[in-house]
Amino acid sequence: MDANRRAARRTDAFRIGAITFENQATPIDCLVWDQSETGAQIELETVEGIPDQFTLEMTAYSRPRACTVVWRKERKLGVSFVK
């Protein structure tokens, strides 16, 4: 069984988000499955072409968060928030 290596407890989010990165004119929609103070798990239509660093916006009311990809699996990404 895999050990949970997360620095903070994740809570279910299940909300629409969008990612942006350099050379990407329009945001790419994603689904935020869960999140914590230190990171999130997101799902995209495809992870092909998604760089290791990007900005995640989860709602119109929260500030965008700079992210670094920690893991990739099929259509999902685990990201850590850059402080």
Protein backbone atom coordinates (compact mmCIF):
# COMPACT_ATOMS: atom_id res chain seq x y z
CA MET A 1 0.00 0.00 0.00
CA ASP A 2 1.30 3.46 -0.90
CA ALA A 3 2.03 5.85 1.94
CA ASN A 4 0.37 9.25 1.83
CA ARG A 5 3.23 11.67 1.26
CA ARG A 6 1.11 14.82 1.20
CA ALA A 7 2.19 17.68 3.42
CA ALA A 8 -1.39 18.77 4.13
CA ARG A 9 -4.76 17.06 4.25
CA ARG A 10 -6.77 17.26 1.03
CA THR A 11 -10.47 17.98 0.91
CA ASP A 12 -12.87 17.24 -1.94
CA ALA A 13 -13.27 20.23 -4.22
CA PHE A 14 -15.01 18.94 -7.36
CA ARG A 15 -15.06 22.32 -9.06
CA ILE A 16 -14.25 23.71 -12.46
CA GLY A 17 -10.90 25.39 -12.86
CA ALA A 18 -8.69 26.72 -15.62
CA ILE A 19 -4.98 26.63 -16.23
CA THR A 20 -2.83 29.12 -18.11
CA PHE A 21 0.81 29.11 -19.05
CA GLU A 22 3.28 30.88 -21.27
CA ASN A 23 2.44 30.67 -24.99
CA GLN A 24 -1.18 29.65 -24.21
CA ALA A 25 -3.57 32.39 -25.35
CA THR A 26 -6.75 30.95 -23.85
CA PRO A 27 -7.21 29.13 -20.52
CA ILE A 28 -7.60 25.35 -20.56
CA ASP A 29 -10.56 24.06 -18.53
CA CYS A 30 -9.95 21.44 -15.88
CA LEU A 31 -11.75 19.71 -13.02
CA VAL A 32 -10.25 20.15 -9.55
CA TRP A 33 -10.91 16.86 -7.73
CA ASP A 34 -9.39 17.79 -4.40
CA GLN A 35 -7.19 20.44 -2.88
CA SER A 36 -5.28 21.46 0.21
CA GLU A 37 -3.25 24.43 1.31
CA THR A 38 -0.24 22.95 -0.48
CA GLY A 39 -1.62 21.45 -3.68
CA ALA A 40 -4.41 19.89 -5.73
CA GLN A 41 -5.38 17.01 -7.98
CA ILE A 42 -6.77 18.11 -11.33
CA GLU A 43 -8.11 16.36 -14.42
CA LEU A 44 -7.87 17.62 -17.99
CA GLU A 45 -9.18 16.39 -21.30
CA THR A 46 -5.55 15.64 -22.14
CA VAL A 47 -2.30 16.31 -20.29
CA GLU A 48 -0.33 16.30 -23.54
CA GLY A 49 1.44 19.63 -23.97
CA ILE A 50 0.85 20.73 -20.37
CA PRO A 51 4.12 22.10 -18.96
CA ASP A 52 5.53 21.32 -15.52
CA GLN A 53 4.67 24.84 -14.31
CA PHE A 54 1.45 26.76 -14.86
CA THR A 55 -1.14 28.93 -13.13
CA LEU A 56 -4.36 27.39 -11.77
CA GLU A 57 -7.50 29.45 -11.25
CA MET A 58 -10.21 27.61 -9.33
CA THR A 59 -12.96 30.22 -8.96
CA ALA A 60 -13.56 33.83 -9.80
CA TYR A 61 -13.30 34.57 -6.07
CA SER A 62 -9.93 33.01 -5.29
CA ARG A 63 -6.53 34.20 -6.38
CA PRO A 64 -4.74 32.30 -9.12
CA ARG A 65 -2.11 29.87 -7.82
CA ALA A 66 1.25 29.13 -9.41
CA CYS A 67 1.70 25.34 -9.63
CA THR A 68 4.40 22.77 -10.22
CA VAL A 69 3.42 19.31 -11.46
CA VAL A 70 4.42 16.60 -8.98
CA TRP A 71 2.92 13.60 -10.79
CA ARG A 72 1.04 12.70 -13.99
CA LYS A 73 -1.28 9.73 -14.51
CA GLU A 74 -3.47 9.41 -17.59
CA ARG A 75 -5.66 12.55 -17.59
CA LYS A 76 -4.85 13.63 -14.02
CA LEU A 77 -2.12 15.81 -12.56
CA GLY A 78 -0.99 16.22 -8.97
CA VAL A 79 0.27 19.75 -8.40
CA SER A 80 1.97 21.55 -5.59
CA PHE A 81 1.30 25.26 -5.06
CA VAL A 82 4.34 27.49 -5.38
CA LYS A 83 4.60 29.93 -2.49
